[in-house]
Amino acid sequence: MVITTEVYVEHPDLALADTIESVHNLEVGVVSDAGTDPEHDAYFFWAEAPDFEAVEDALAADHTVAEFATIVEARGRRTYRVEYSDAVTLVSPVLTEVGGLTLESRSHADGWLLRLQLEGHEALYALNEHATEHDIRLDILELHQRDHPDDPATFGLTDSQVEALVAAYVHGYYDEPRETSLEGLASRLGISETAVSGRLRRGSARLVEAVLVDERPDPE
């Protein structure tokens, strides 16, 4: 099973955290097809902002940045080569560990929006555990699985039911004591508490029916 998910991550030591927080109307993203500079362990980012002088002042003061340089500017966008400092906190190592791919990374609010491809829900759970251990805020905003609708692995669940059940599992709704509430799940998923409750109830019932209940008639 392959899933794609969009998550929001936030931590004061994430890459370019100071820059993202301090520069008004700044948009930053990872240049996905640039790779890295293996000799210097450098990464490449694009930036769009009304004032690039403010961006570069912020990069110079950013505690997660050791060095940076402008690579190119075109149509109001600048590309920077950035070397991280030892203070940076990264999500990428755990993604590599679980065989995940980062499809897109861009700034949002005081953190990053990440669009990820993961090999199953256990990988997402491992990512959430890593975030919890390192005090990284992680919100699951969207979740889709690529199984064919008739694939037995889906047990007839809808995408919205899978999203709600996985979010509940990952964020500790089923733990004892609970680490999140219906209200918390509703906030993370951007829907009402009633909708979350309905998706969990119908999804759980469908799982019980598909896995635990034998619907065949008793032999006579």
N, C-alpha and C. Protein backbone atom coordinates (compact mmCIF):
# COMPACT_ATOMS: atom_id res chain seq x y z
N MET A 1 0.84 -1.20 0.00
CA MET A 1 0.00 0.00 0.00
C MET A 1 0.88 1.25 0.00
N VAL A 2 0.60 2.16 -0.91
CA VAL A 2 1.32 3.43 -0.97
C VAL A 2 0.35 4.55 -0.64
N ILE A 3 0.74 5.43 0.25
CA ILE A 3 -0.11 6.56 0.59
C ILE A 3 0.61 7.86 0.29
N THR A 4 -0.15 8.87 -0.06
CA THR A 4 0.39 10.23 -0.18
C THR A 4 -0.30 11.07 0.89
N THR A 5 0.45 11.94 1.50
CA THR A 5 -0.09 12.76 2.57
C THR A 5 0.53 14.14 2.54
N GLU A 6 -0.22 15.12 2.98
CA GLU A 6 0.32 16.46 3.17
C GLU A 6 0.32 16.74 4.66
N VAL A 7 1.47 17.12 5.18
CA VAL A 7 1.59 17.39 6.61
C VAL A 7 2.19 18.78 6.82
N TYR A 8 1.82 19.37 7.94
CA TYR A 8 2.43 20.63 8.36
C TYR A 8 3.36 20.34 9.53
N VAL A 9 4.62 20.79 9.42
CA VAL A 9 5.59 20.60 10.50
C VAL A 9 6.10 21.96 10.96
N GLU A 10 6.30 22.06 12.27
CA GLU A 10 6.78 23.33 12.84
C GLU A 10 7.67 23.05 14.04
N HIS A 11 8.82 23.73 14.08
CA HIS A 11 9.76 23.63 15.20
C HIS A 11 10.73 24.80 15.04
N PRO A 12 11.18 25.41 16.14
CA PRO A 12 12.07 26.57 16.02
C PRO A 12 13.41 26.27 15.37
N ASP A 13 13.80 24.97 15.29
CA ASP A 13 15.10 24.62 14.71
C ASP A 13 14.97 23.98 13.33
N LEU A 14 13.77 23.94 12.74
CA LEU A 14 13.66 23.44 11.38
C LEU A 14 14.39 24.38 10.42
N ALA A 15 14.75 23.87 9.26
CA ALA A 15 15.52 24.65 8.29
C ALA A 15 14.85 25.99 7.99
N LEU A 16 15.64 27.06 8.07
CA LEU A 16 15.21 28.43 7.74
C LEU A 16 14.07 28.93 8.62
N ALA A 17 13.92 28.35 9.79
CA ALA A 17 12.80 28.71 10.67
C ALA A 17 12.78 30.20 10.99
N ASP A 18 13.93 30.76 11.34
CA ASP A 18 13.99 32.19 11.67
C ASP A 18 13.61 33.05 10.47
N THR A 19 14.10 32.67 9.30
CA THR A 19 13.84 33.44 8.08
C THR A 19 12.36 33.43 7.74
N ILE A 20 11.74 32.26 7.80
CA ILE A 20 10.32 32.12 7.47
C ILE A 20 9.47 32.95 8.43
N GLU A 21 9.85 32.93 9.71
CA GLU A 21 9.06 33.64 10.71
C GLU A 21 9.22 35.16 10.63
N SER A 22 10.41 35.62 10.23
CA SER A 22 10.70 37.05 10.36
C SER A 22 10.45 37.89 9.11
N VAL A 23 10.39 37.26 7.93
CA VAL A 23 10.24 38.04 6.69
C VAL A 23 8.78 38.04 6.24
N HIS A 24 8.20 39.22 6.15
CA HIS A 24 6.79 39.37 5.79
C HIS A 24 6.57 38.99 4.33
N ASN A 25 5.49 38.23 4.09
CA ASN A 25 5.09 37.83 2.74
C ASN A 25 6.17 37.02 2.00
N LEU A 26 6.92 36.26 2.74
CA LEU A 26 7.95 35.41 2.13
C LEU A 26 7.36 34.03 1.81
N GLU A 27 7.68 33.52 0.63
CA GLU A 27 7.40 32.13 0.28
C GLU A 27 8.71 31.47 -0.06
N VAL A 28 8.94 30.29 0.52
CA VAL A 28 10.17 29.55 0.29
C VAL A 28 9.81 28.11 -0.06
N GLY A 29 10.58 27.51 -0.95
CA GLY A 29 10.38 26.11 -1.28
C GLY A 29 11.69 25.44 -1.61
N VAL A 30 11.72 24.13 -1.49
CA VAL A 30 12.90 23.36 -1.86
C VAL A 30 12.89 23.16 -3.37
N VAL A 31 14.04 23.39 -4.01
CA VAL A 31 14.17 23.13 -5.44
C VAL A 31 14.29 21.61 -5.60
N SER A 32 13.19 20.97 -5.95
CA SER A 32 13.10 19.51 -5.85
C SER A 32 14.00 18.78 -6.82
N ASP A 33 14.31 19.38 -7.97
CA ASP A 33 15.13 18.66 -8.96
C ASP A 33 16.59 19.06 -8.91
N ALA A 34 16.99 19.81 -7.86
CA ALA A 34 18.38 20.27 -7.79
C ALA A 34 19.27 19.31 -7.01
N GLY A 35 18.69 18.45 -6.18
CA GLY A 35 19.50 17.56 -5.36
C GLY A 35 20.27 18.34 -4.30
N THR A 36 21.42 17.82 -3.93
CA THR A 36 22.28 18.50 -2.95
C THR A 36 23.68 18.62 -3.54
N ASP A 37 24.51 19.40 -2.86
CA ASP A 37 25.92 19.51 -3.21
C ASP A 37 26.67 18.57 -2.26
N PRO A 38 27.04 17.34 -2.71
CA PRO A 38 27.60 16.35 -1.79
C PRO A 38 28.92 16.79 -1.16
N GLU A 39 29.66 17.66 -1.83
CA GLU A 39 30.95 18.08 -1.30
C GLU A 39 30.79 18.99 -0.09
N HIS A 40 29.73 19.82 -0.11
CA HIS A 40 29.54 20.78 0.99
C HIS A 40 28.25 20.54 1.77
N ASP A 41 27.51 19.48 1.43
CA ASP A 41 26.23 19.20 2.09
C ASP A 41 25.32 20.42 2.03
N ALA A 42 25.18 20.99 0.82
CA ALA A 42 24.37 22.18 0.62
C ALA A 42 23.03 21.82 -0.01
N TYR A 43 22.03 22.65 0.23
CA TYR A 43 20.68 22.44 -0.27
C TYR A 43 20.25 23.70 -1.04
N PHE A 44 19.27 23.54 -1.90
CA PHE A 44 18.85 24.63 -2.77
C PHE A 44 17.39 24.98 -2.51
N PHE A 45 17.13 26.27 -2.33
CA PHE A 45 15.79 26.78 -2.03
C PHE A 45 15.47 27.92 -3.00
N TRP A 46 14.19 28.01 -3.40
CA TRP A 46 13.72 29.20 -4.09
C TRP A 46 12.98 30.09 -3.10
N ALA A 47 13.00 31.38 -3.35
CA ALA A 47 12.32 32.33 -2.47
C ALA A 47 11.61 33.38 -3.32
N GLU A 48 10.40 33.73 -2.91
CA GLU A 48 9.66 34.84 -3.50
C GLU A 48 9.32 35.81 -2.38
N ALA A 49 9.67 37.07 -2.55
CA ALA A 49 9.45 38.07 -1.50
C ALA A 49 9.49 39.46 -2.12
N PRO A 50 8.77 40.41 -1.50
CA PRO A 50 8.82 41.79 -2.01
C PRO A 50 10.15 42.47 -1.74
N ASP A 51 10.95 41.94 -0.80
CA ASP A 51 12.20 42.59 -0.41
C ASP A 51 13.27 41.52 -0.18
N PHE A 52 14.10 41.30 -1.20
CA PHE A 52 15.13 40.26 -1.07
C PHE A 52 16.26 40.68 -0.14
N GLU A 53 16.43 41.98 0.06
CA GLU A 53 17.44 42.42 1.03
C GLU A 53 17.05 41.94 2.43
N ALA A 54 15.75 42.01 2.73
CA ALA A 54 15.28 41.52 4.03
C ALA A 54 15.47 40.02 4.14
N VAL A 55 15.24 39.30 3.03
CA VAL A 55 15.44 37.85 3.04
C VAL A 55 16.88 37.51 3.36
N GLU A 56 17.82 38.22 2.72
CA GLU A 56 19.22 37.89 2.91
C GLU A 56 19.74 38.33 4.27
N ASP A 57 19.18 39.41 4.80
CA ASP A 57 19.51 39.78 6.18
C ASP A 57 19.04 38.69 7.14
N ALA A 58 17.83 38.16 6.87
CA ALA A 58 17.28 37.11 7.74
C ALA A 58 18.10 35.82 7.62
N LEU A 59 18.50 35.46 6.41
CA LEU A 59 19.32 34.26 6.23
C LEU A 59 20.65 34.40 6.96
N ALA A 60 21.24 35.60 6.91
CA ALA A 60 22.52 35.83 7.59
C ALA A 60 22.39 35.68 9.10
N ALA A 61 21.20 36.00 9.63
CA ALA A 61 20.99 35.93 11.08
C ALA A 61 20.37 34.60 11.52
N ASP A 62 19.94 33.78 10.56
CA ASP A 62 19.21 32.54 10.86
C ASP A 62 20.14 31.52 11.52
N HIS A 63 19.76 31.03 12.71
CA HIS A 63 20.64 30.13 13.45
C HIS A 63 20.74 28.74 12.83
N THR A 64 19.86 28.44 11.86
CA THR A 64 19.93 27.13 11.19
C THR A 64 20.80 27.18 9.94
N VAL A 65 21.29 28.36 9.57
CA VAL A 65 22.05 28.54 8.34
C VAL A 65 23.51 28.84 8.67
N ALA A 66 24.41 28.03 8.10
CA ALA A 66 25.85 28.29 8.27
C ALA A 66 26.35 29.24 7.19
N GLU A 67 25.96 28.97 5.95
CA GLU A 67 26.35 29.82 4.83
C GLU A 67 25.26 29.79 3.77
N PHE A 68 25.18 30.86 2.98
CA PHE A 68 24.25 30.86 1.86
C PHE A 68 24.82 31.71 0.74
N ALA A 69 24.32 31.45 -0.47
CA ALA A 69 24.75 32.24 -1.63
C ALA A 69 23.60 32.29 -2.63
N THR A 70 23.47 33.41 -3.33
CA THR A 70 22.47 33.53 -4.39
C THR A 70 22.98 32.82 -5.64
N ILE A 71 22.13 31.98 -6.21
CA ILE A 71 22.50 31.23 -7.41
C ILE A 71 21.98 31.90 -8.67
N VAL A 72 20.69 32.24 -8.67
CA VAL A 72 20.08 32.83 -9.86
C VAL A 72 18.84 33.60 -9.43
N GLU A 73 18.45 34.59 -10.24
CA GLU A 73 17.20 35.32 -10.01
C GLU A 73 16.47 35.43 -11.34
N ALA A 74 15.18 35.13 -11.33
CA ALA A 74 14.38 35.23 -12.55
C ALA A 74 12.93 35.42 -12.18
N ARG A 75 12.28 36.38 -12.81
CA ARG A 75 10.84 36.65 -12.65
C ARG A 75 10.43 36.74 -11.18
N GLY A 76 11.16 37.52 -10.42
CA GLY A 76 10.79 37.77 -9.04
C GLY A 76 11.08 36.64 -8.07
N ARG A 77 11.86 35.66 -8.51
CA ARG A 77 12.20 34.53 -7.64
C ARG A 77 13.72 34.37 -7.61
N ARG A 78 14.27 34.19 -6.41
CA ARG A 78 15.69 33.93 -6.27
C ARG A 78 15.92 32.51 -5.77
N THR A 79 16.96 31.90 -6.27
CA THR A 79 17.36 30.58 -5.81
C THR A 79 18.63 30.72 -4.98
N TYR A 80 18.62 30.08 -3.80
CA TYR A 80 19.74 30.16 -2.87
C TYR A 80 20.34 28.77 -2.63
N ARG A 81 21.63 28.76 -2.50
CA ARG A 81 22.36 27.58 -2.05
C ARG A 81 22.63 27.76 -0.56
N VAL A 82 22.18 26.82 0.26
CA VAL A 82 22.24 26.96 1.72
C VAL A 82 22.97 25.78 2.34
N GLU A 83 23.90 26.08 3.22
CA GLU A 83 24.51 25.06 4.07
C GLU A 83 23.96 25.22 5.48
N TYR A 84 23.51 24.11 6.06
CA TYR A 84 22.91 24.16 7.39
C TYR A 84 23.97 24.27 8.48
N SER A 85 23.56 24.86 9.58
CA SER A 85 24.41 24.85 10.78
C SER A 85 24.15 23.58 11.58
N ASP A 86 24.93 23.37 12.61
CA ASP A 86 24.74 22.19 13.46
C ASP A 86 23.46 22.29 14.28
N ALA A 87 22.85 23.46 14.33
CA ALA A 87 21.64 23.66 15.16
C ALA A 87 20.37 23.19 14.47
N VAL A 88 20.44 22.86 13.18
CA VAL A 88 19.23 22.56 12.43
C VAL A 88 18.64 21.21 12.85
N THR A 89 17.32 21.14 12.83
CA THR A 89 16.58 19.88 13.05
C THR A 89 15.94 19.50 11.72
N LEU A 90 16.14 18.24 11.29
CA LEU A 90 15.66 17.80 9.99
C LEU A 90 14.67 16.65 10.13
N VAL A 91 13.69 16.63 9.23
CA VAL A 91 12.73 15.53 9.16
C VAL A 91 13.19 14.49 8.14
N SER A 92 14.03 14.91 7.21
CA SER A 92 14.42 14.03 6.10
C SER A 92 15.08 12.71 6.53
N PRO A 93 15.90 12.67 7.60
CA PRO A 93 16.52 11.38 7.95
C PRO A 93 15.50 10.28 8.27
N VAL A 94 14.44 10.61 9.00
CA VAL A 94 13.46 9.58 9.32
C VAL A 94 12.67 9.18 8.08
N LEU A 95 12.44 10.13 7.17
CA LEU A 95 11.76 9.79 5.91
C LEU A 95 12.59 8.79 5.11
N THR A 96 13.90 9.02 5.06
CA THR A 96 14.79 8.09 4.37
C THR A 96 14.75 6.73 5.04
N GLU A 97 14.73 6.72 6.38
CA GLU A 97 14.70 5.48 7.15
C GLU A 97 13.50 4.62 6.81
N VAL A 98 12.33 5.26 6.64
CA VAL A 98 11.09 4.51 6.40
C VAL A 98 10.80 4.37 4.91
N GLY A 99 11.73 4.77 4.05
CA GLY A 99 11.54 4.62 2.62
C GLY A 99 10.57 5.61 2.01
N GLY A 100 10.42 6.77 2.66
CA GLY A 100 9.48 7.77 2.15
C GLY A 100 10.14 8.72 1.16
N LEU A 101 9.31 9.40 0.40
CA LEU A 101 9.77 10.40 -0.56
C LEU A 101 9.10 11.74 -0.25
N THR A 102 9.86 12.82 -0.35
CA THR A 102 9.30 14.16 -0.24
C THR A 102 9.00 14.65 -1.65
N LEU A 103 7.71 14.80 -1.96
CA LEU A 103 7.30 15.23 -3.29
C LEU A 103 7.34 16.74 -3.44
N GLU A 104 7.11 17.45 -2.32
CA GLU A 104 7.14 18.91 -2.35
C GLU A 104 7.36 19.44 -0.95
N SER A 105 8.13 20.53 -0.83
CA SER A 105 8.34 21.20 0.45
C SER A 105 8.23 22.69 0.21
N ARG A 106 7.36 23.34 0.99
CA ARG A 106 7.24 24.80 0.88
C ARG A 106 6.84 25.38 2.22
N SER A 107 7.22 26.64 2.43
CA SER A 107 6.93 27.29 3.71
C SER A 107 5.45 27.55 3.86
N HIS A 108 5.02 27.55 5.11
CA HIS A 108 3.62 27.86 5.44
C HIS A 108 3.58 28.29 6.90
N ALA A 109 2.92 29.44 7.15
CA ALA A 109 2.86 29.98 8.52
C ALA A 109 4.28 30.07 9.07
N ASP A 110 4.56 29.43 10.22
CA ASP A 110 5.91 29.46 10.80
C ASP A 110 6.66 28.15 10.58
N GLY A 111 6.18 27.33 9.64
CA GLY A 111 6.83 26.04 9.41
C GLY A 111 6.82 25.66 7.94
N TRP A 112 6.64 24.35 7.70
CA TRP A 112 6.73 23.81 6.35
C TRP A 112 5.53 22.91 6.05
N LEU A 113 5.04 23.01 4.80
CA LEU A 113 4.09 22.05 4.26
C LEU A 113 4.88 21.01 3.48
N LEU A 114 4.70 19.76 3.80
CA LEU A 114 5.40 18.68 3.11
C LEU A 114 4.38 17.76 2.45
N ARG A 115 4.57 17.48 1.17
CA ARG A 115 3.75 16.48 0.49
C ARG A 115 4.61 15.24 0.34
N LEU A 116 4.17 14.15 0.95
CA LEU A 116 5.00 12.96 1.10
C LEU A 116 4.37 11.74 0.44
N GLN A 117 5.21 10.84 0.01
CA GLN A 117 4.77 9.50 -0.41
C GLN A 117 5.40 8.49 0.53
N LEU A 118 4.56 7.66 1.14
CA LEU A 118 5.03 6.72 2.15
C LEU A 118 4.53 5.32 1.83
N GLU A 119 5.30 4.34 2.28
CA GLU A 119 4.94 2.95 2.04
C GLU A 119 4.09 2.42 3.20
N GLY A 120 2.86 2.88 3.26
CA GLY A 120 1.94 2.37 4.27
C GLY A 120 1.81 3.24 5.49
N HIS A 121 0.82 2.92 6.32
CA HIS A 121 0.50 3.72 7.49
C HIS A 121 1.54 3.59 8.59
N GLU A 122 2.27 2.46 8.63
CA GLU A 122 3.31 2.30 9.65
C GLU A 122 4.41 3.35 9.47
N ALA A 123 4.70 3.70 8.21
CA ALA A 123 5.71 4.74 7.95
C ALA A 123 5.24 6.08 8.49
N LEU A 124 3.95 6.37 8.33
CA LEU A 124 3.41 7.61 8.85
C LEU A 124 3.45 7.61 10.38
N TYR A 125 3.18 6.46 10.97
CA TYR A 125 3.23 6.36 12.43
C TYR A 125 4.66 6.58 12.93
N ALA A 126 5.65 6.03 12.20
CA ALA A 126 7.06 6.22 12.58
C ALA A 126 7.44 7.69 12.48
N LEU A 127 6.95 8.37 11.44
CA LEU A 127 7.23 9.80 11.29
C LEU A 127 6.63 10.58 12.45
N ASN A 128 5.42 10.24 12.85
CA ASN A 128 4.78 10.93 13.96
C ASN A 128 5.52 10.67 15.28
N GLU A 129 5.99 9.44 15.46
CA GLU A 129 6.76 9.13 16.67
C GLU A 129 8.05 9.96 16.73
N HIS A 130 8.71 10.07 15.58
CA HIS A 130 9.92 10.89 15.50
C HIS A 130 9.62 12.35 15.86
N ALA A 131 8.51 12.85 15.32
CA ALA A 131 8.12 14.24 15.60
C ALA A 131 7.84 14.43 17.09
N THR A 132 7.15 13.48 17.68
CA THR A 132 6.83 13.57 19.11
C THR A 132 8.10 13.56 19.96
N GLU A 133 9.03 12.67 19.62
CA GLU A 133 10.28 12.56 20.38
C GLU A 133 11.11 13.84 20.31
N HIS A 134 10.99 14.59 19.20
CA HIS A 134 11.81 15.78 19.01
C HIS A 134 11.00 17.07 19.15
N ASP A 135 9.80 16.95 19.73
CA ASP A 135 8.94 18.12 19.99
C ASP A 135 8.63 18.90 18.72
N ILE A 136 8.50 18.19 17.61
CA ILE A 136 8.12 18.81 16.35
C ILE A 136 6.60 18.73 16.21
N ARG A 137 5.97 19.88 15.96
CA ARG A 137 4.54 19.85 15.69
C ARG A 137 4.32 19.21 14.32
N LEU A 138 3.44 18.21 14.25
CA LEU A 138 3.12 17.55 12.99
C LEU A 138 1.61 17.41 12.88
N ASP A 139 1.02 18.06 11.88
CA ASP A 139 -0.41 17.97 11.63
C ASP A 139 -0.63 17.30 10.27
N ILE A 140 -1.45 16.26 10.24
CA ILE A 140 -1.80 15.61 8.98
C ILE A 140 -2.97 16.37 8.37
N LEU A 141 -2.75 16.97 7.22
CA LEU A 141 -3.77 17.80 6.57
C LEU A 141 -4.56 17.02 5.53
N GLU A 142 -3.89 16.15 4.81
CA GLU A 142 -4.55 15.31 3.81
C GLU A 142 -3.89 13.95 3.80
N LEU A 143 -4.68 12.93 3.44
CA LEU A 143 -4.13 11.59 3.35
C LEU A 143 -4.92 10.81 2.30
N HIS A 144 -4.21 10.22 1.36
CA HIS A 144 -4.85 9.41 0.32
C HIS A 144 -4.06 8.13 0.13
N GLN A 145 -4.76 7.04 -0.12
CA GLN A 145 -4.06 5.80 -0.43
C GLN A 145 -4.36 5.41 -1.87
N ARG A 146 -3.39 4.74 -2.47
CA ARG A 146 -3.47 4.49 -3.90
C ARG A 146 -4.01 3.12 -4.27
N ASP A 147 -4.46 2.36 -3.29
CA ASP A 147 -5.03 1.06 -3.62
C ASP A 147 -6.23 1.22 -4.53
N HIS A 148 -6.42 0.26 -5.37
CA HIS A 148 -7.65 0.21 -6.18
C HIS A 148 -8.82 0.06 -5.25
N PRO A 149 -9.97 0.73 -5.52
CA PRO A 149 -11.12 0.66 -4.61
C PRO A 149 -11.57 -0.77 -4.31
N ASP A 150 -11.31 -1.69 -5.26
CA ASP A 150 -11.75 -3.07 -5.02
C ASP A 150 -10.68 -3.93 -4.37
N ASP A 151 -9.51 -3.35 -4.10
CA ASP A 151 -8.44 -4.09 -3.46
C ASP A 151 -8.88 -4.52 -2.07
N PRO A 152 -8.74 -5.81 -1.72
CA PRO A 152 -9.16 -6.27 -0.39
C PRO A 152 -8.48 -5.52 0.75
N ALA A 153 -7.27 -4.95 0.49
CA ALA A 153 -6.54 -4.26 1.57
C ALA A 153 -7.29 -3.04 2.07
N THR A 154 -8.19 -2.47 1.25
CA THR A 154 -8.93 -1.29 1.70
C THR A 154 -10.15 -1.65 2.52
N PHE A 155 -10.59 -2.91 2.49
CA PHE A 155 -11.75 -3.39 3.24
C PHE A 155 -13.01 -2.59 2.95
N GLY A 156 -13.08 -1.98 1.77
CA GLY A 156 -14.27 -1.22 1.41
C GLY A 156 -14.36 0.14 2.07
N LEU A 157 -13.29 0.60 2.73
CA LEU A 157 -13.31 1.91 3.38
C LEU A 157 -13.19 3.02 2.34
N THR A 158 -13.84 4.15 2.60
CA THR A 158 -13.67 5.32 1.75
C THR A 158 -12.36 6.02 2.13
N ASP A 159 -11.88 6.90 1.22
CA ASP A 159 -10.66 7.65 1.52
C ASP A 159 -10.82 8.50 2.78
N SER A 160 -12.01 9.09 2.96
CA SER A 160 -12.22 9.95 4.13
C SER A 160 -12.24 9.13 5.42
N GLN A 161 -12.75 7.90 5.37
CA GLN A 161 -12.73 7.04 6.54
C GLN A 161 -11.30 6.61 6.88
N VAL A 162 -10.52 6.27 5.84
CA VAL A 162 -9.11 5.91 6.07
C VAL A 162 -8.37 7.09 6.67
N GLU A 163 -8.59 8.29 6.13
CA GLU A 163 -7.91 9.48 6.63
C GLU A 163 -8.23 9.70 8.11
N ALA A 164 -9.51 9.58 8.48
CA ALA A 164 -9.91 9.81 9.87
C ALA A 164 -9.35 8.74 10.80
N LEU A 165 -9.43 7.47 10.38
CA LEU A 165 -8.92 6.38 11.22
C LEU A 165 -7.42 6.47 11.41
N VAL A 166 -6.69 6.77 10.34
CA VAL A 166 -5.23 6.87 10.46
C VAL A 166 -4.84 8.07 11.32
N ALA A 167 -5.52 9.21 11.12
CA ALA A 167 -5.22 10.38 11.94
C ALA A 167 -5.49 10.08 13.42
N ALA A 168 -6.59 9.38 13.71
CA ALA A 168 -6.91 9.03 15.08
C ALA A 168 -5.83 8.11 15.68
N TYR A 169 -5.38 7.16 14.88
CA TYR A 169 -4.34 6.23 15.34
C TYR A 169 -3.01 6.95 15.57
N VAL A 170 -2.60 7.74 14.58
CA VAL A 170 -1.30 8.41 14.64
C VAL A 170 -1.23 9.40 15.79
N HIS A 171 -2.33 10.11 16.03
CA HIS A 171 -2.31 11.18 17.04
C HIS A 171 -2.80 10.73 18.42
N GLY A 172 -2.93 9.42 18.61
CA GLY A 172 -3.16 8.89 19.95
C GLY A 172 -4.60 8.90 20.43
N TYR A 173 -5.57 8.95 19.52
CA TYR A 173 -6.97 8.93 19.94
C TYR A 173 -7.33 7.59 20.59
N TYR A 174 -6.66 6.53 20.14
CA TYR A 174 -6.96 5.19 20.66
C TYR A 174 -6.04 4.79 21.82
N ASP A 175 -5.13 5.70 22.19
CA ASP A 175 -4.24 5.39 23.31
C ASP A 175 -5.00 5.51 24.63
N GLU A 176 -4.39 4.96 25.68
CA GLU A 176 -4.96 5.06 27.03
C GLU A 176 -3.90 5.62 27.96
N PRO A 177 -3.99 6.85 28.45
CA PRO A 177 -5.08 7.79 28.16
C PRO A 177 -4.96 8.39 26.76
N ARG A 178 -6.07 8.93 26.28
CA ARG A 178 -6.07 9.52 24.95
C ARG A 178 -5.15 10.73 24.89
N GLU A 179 -4.42 10.82 23.76
CA GLU A 179 -3.52 11.96 23.56
C GLU A 179 -4.17 13.05 22.72
N THR A 180 -5.32 12.77 22.14
CA THR A 180 -6.08 13.79 21.41
C THR A 180 -7.55 13.50 21.56
N SER A 181 -8.39 14.47 21.23
CA SER A 181 -9.83 14.36 21.37
C SER A 181 -10.49 14.46 20.00
N LEU A 182 -11.82 14.26 19.97
CA LEU A 182 -12.55 14.48 18.72
C LEU A 182 -12.36 15.91 18.24
N GLU A 183 -12.35 16.83 19.18
CA GLU A 183 -12.16 18.24 18.82
C GLU A 183 -10.78 18.44 18.17
N GLY A 184 -9.76 17.79 18.74
CA GLY A 184 -8.42 17.90 18.19
C GLY A 184 -8.32 17.29 16.80
N LEU A 185 -8.96 16.12 16.62
CA LEU A 185 -8.96 15.49 15.29
C LEU A 185 -9.70 16.35 14.28
N ALA A 186 -10.82 16.92 14.71
CA ALA A 186 -11.60 17.77 13.81
C ALA A 186 -10.78 18.96 13.35
N SER A 187 -10.02 19.55 14.28
CA SER A 187 -9.18 20.69 13.94
C SER A 187 -8.09 20.29 12.95
N ARG A 188 -7.47 19.14 13.17
CA ARG A 188 -6.41 18.68 12.28
C ARG A 188 -6.93 18.36 10.88
N LEU A 189 -8.14 17.79 10.80
CA LEU A 189 -8.69 17.37 9.51
C LEU A 189 -9.49 18.48 8.82
N GLY A 190 -9.78 19.55 9.56
CA GLY A 190 -10.53 20.66 8.98
C GLY A 190 -11.99 20.35 8.74
N ILE A 191 -12.57 19.49 9.60
CA ILE A 191 -14.00 19.15 9.49
C ILE A 191 -14.61 19.24 10.89
N SER A 192 -15.94 19.02 10.97
CA SER A 192 -16.62 19.13 12.25
C SER A 192 -16.39 17.88 13.10
N GLU A 193 -16.63 18.03 14.42
CA GLU A 193 -16.53 16.88 15.32
C GLU A 193 -17.53 15.80 14.93
N THR A 194 -18.73 16.21 14.50
CA THR A 194 -19.75 15.25 14.08
C THR A 194 -19.28 14.44 12.89
N ALA A 195 -18.63 15.11 11.94
CA ALA A 195 -18.12 14.42 10.75
C ALA A 195 -17.02 13.42 11.13
N VAL A 196 -16.11 13.85 12.02
CA VAL A 196 -15.04 12.94 12.46
C VAL A 196 -15.64 11.72 13.14
N SER A 197 -16.58 11.97 14.05
CA SER A 197 -17.20 10.88 14.79
C SER A 197 -17.87 9.89 13.84
N GLY A 198 -18.57 10.43 12.83
CA GLY A 198 -19.26 9.58 11.87
C GLY A 198 -18.28 8.74 11.06
N ARG A 199 -17.19 9.35 10.62
CA ARG A 199 -16.21 8.62 9.82
C ARG A 199 -15.54 7.51 10.64
N LEU A 200 -15.22 7.82 11.89
CA LEU A 200 -14.61 6.81 12.77
C LEU A 200 -15.59 5.67 13.03
N ARG A 201 -16.83 6.02 13.30
CA ARG A 201 -17.84 5.00 13.61
C ARG A 201 -18.10 4.09 12.41
N ARG A 202 -18.32 4.71 11.23
CA ARG A 202 -18.62 3.91 10.04
C ARG A 202 -17.38 3.13 9.57
N GLY A 203 -16.21 3.76 9.69
CA GLY A 203 -14.99 3.06 9.30
C GLY A 203 -14.70 1.88 10.20
N SER A 204 -14.87 2.07 11.52
CA SER A 204 -14.64 0.98 12.47
C SER A 204 -15.63 -0.16 12.24
N ALA A 205 -16.89 0.19 12.00
CA ALA A 205 -17.91 -0.83 11.74
C ALA A 205 -17.57 -1.63 10.49
N ARG A 206 -17.09 -0.92 9.46
CA ARG A 206 -16.74 -1.60 8.21
C ARG A 206 -15.56 -2.54 8.43
N LEU A 207 -14.57 -2.12 9.22
CA LEU A 207 -13.43 -2.97 9.50
C LEU A 207 -13.85 -4.22 10.27
N VAL A 208 -14.70 -4.05 11.28
CA VAL A 208 -15.18 -5.20 12.06
C VAL A 208 -15.93 -6.16 11.15
N GLU A 209 -16.78 -5.61 10.31
CA GLU A 209 -17.57 -6.44 9.39
C GLU A 209 -16.67 -7.20 8.43
N ALA A 210 -15.64 -6.51 7.91
CA ALA A 210 -14.78 -7.13 6.90
C ALA A 210 -13.80 -8.13 7.50
N VAL A 211 -13.32 -7.86 8.73
CA VAL A 211 -12.24 -8.66 9.29
C VAL A 211 -12.72 -9.69 10.32
N LEU A 212 -13.68 -9.30 11.15
CA LEU A 212 -14.03 -10.15 12.29
C LEU A 212 -15.34 -10.90 12.15
N VAL A 213 -16.23 -10.39 11.35
CA VAL A 213 -17.56 -11.00 11.25
C VAL A 213 -17.62 -11.89 10.02
N ASP A 214 -17.96 -13.14 10.23
CA ASP A 214 -18.16 -14.07 9.13
C ASP A 214 -19.62 -14.00 8.73
N GLU A 215 -19.88 -13.44 7.53
CA GLU A 215 -21.25 -13.25 7.11
C GLU A 215 -21.86 -14.49 6.44
N ARG A 216 -21.08 -15.55 6.30
CA ARG A 216 -21.62 -16.74 5.66
C ARG A 216 -22.64 -17.40 6.58
N PRO A 217 -23.71 -17.95 6.03
CA PRO A 217 -24.71 -18.60 6.89
C PRO A 217 -24.13 -19.85 7.52
N ASP A 218 -24.62 -20.16 8.74
CA ASP A 218 -24.16 -21.37 9.40
C ASP A 218 -24.62 -22.60 8.62
N PRO A 219 -23.77 -23.61 8.47
CA PRO A 219 -24.19 -24.83 7.78
C PRO A 219 -25.26 -25.53 8.58
N GLU A 220 -26.19 -26.12 7.88
CA GLU A 220 -27.28 -26.80 8.58
C GLU A 220 -27.00 -28.30 8.64
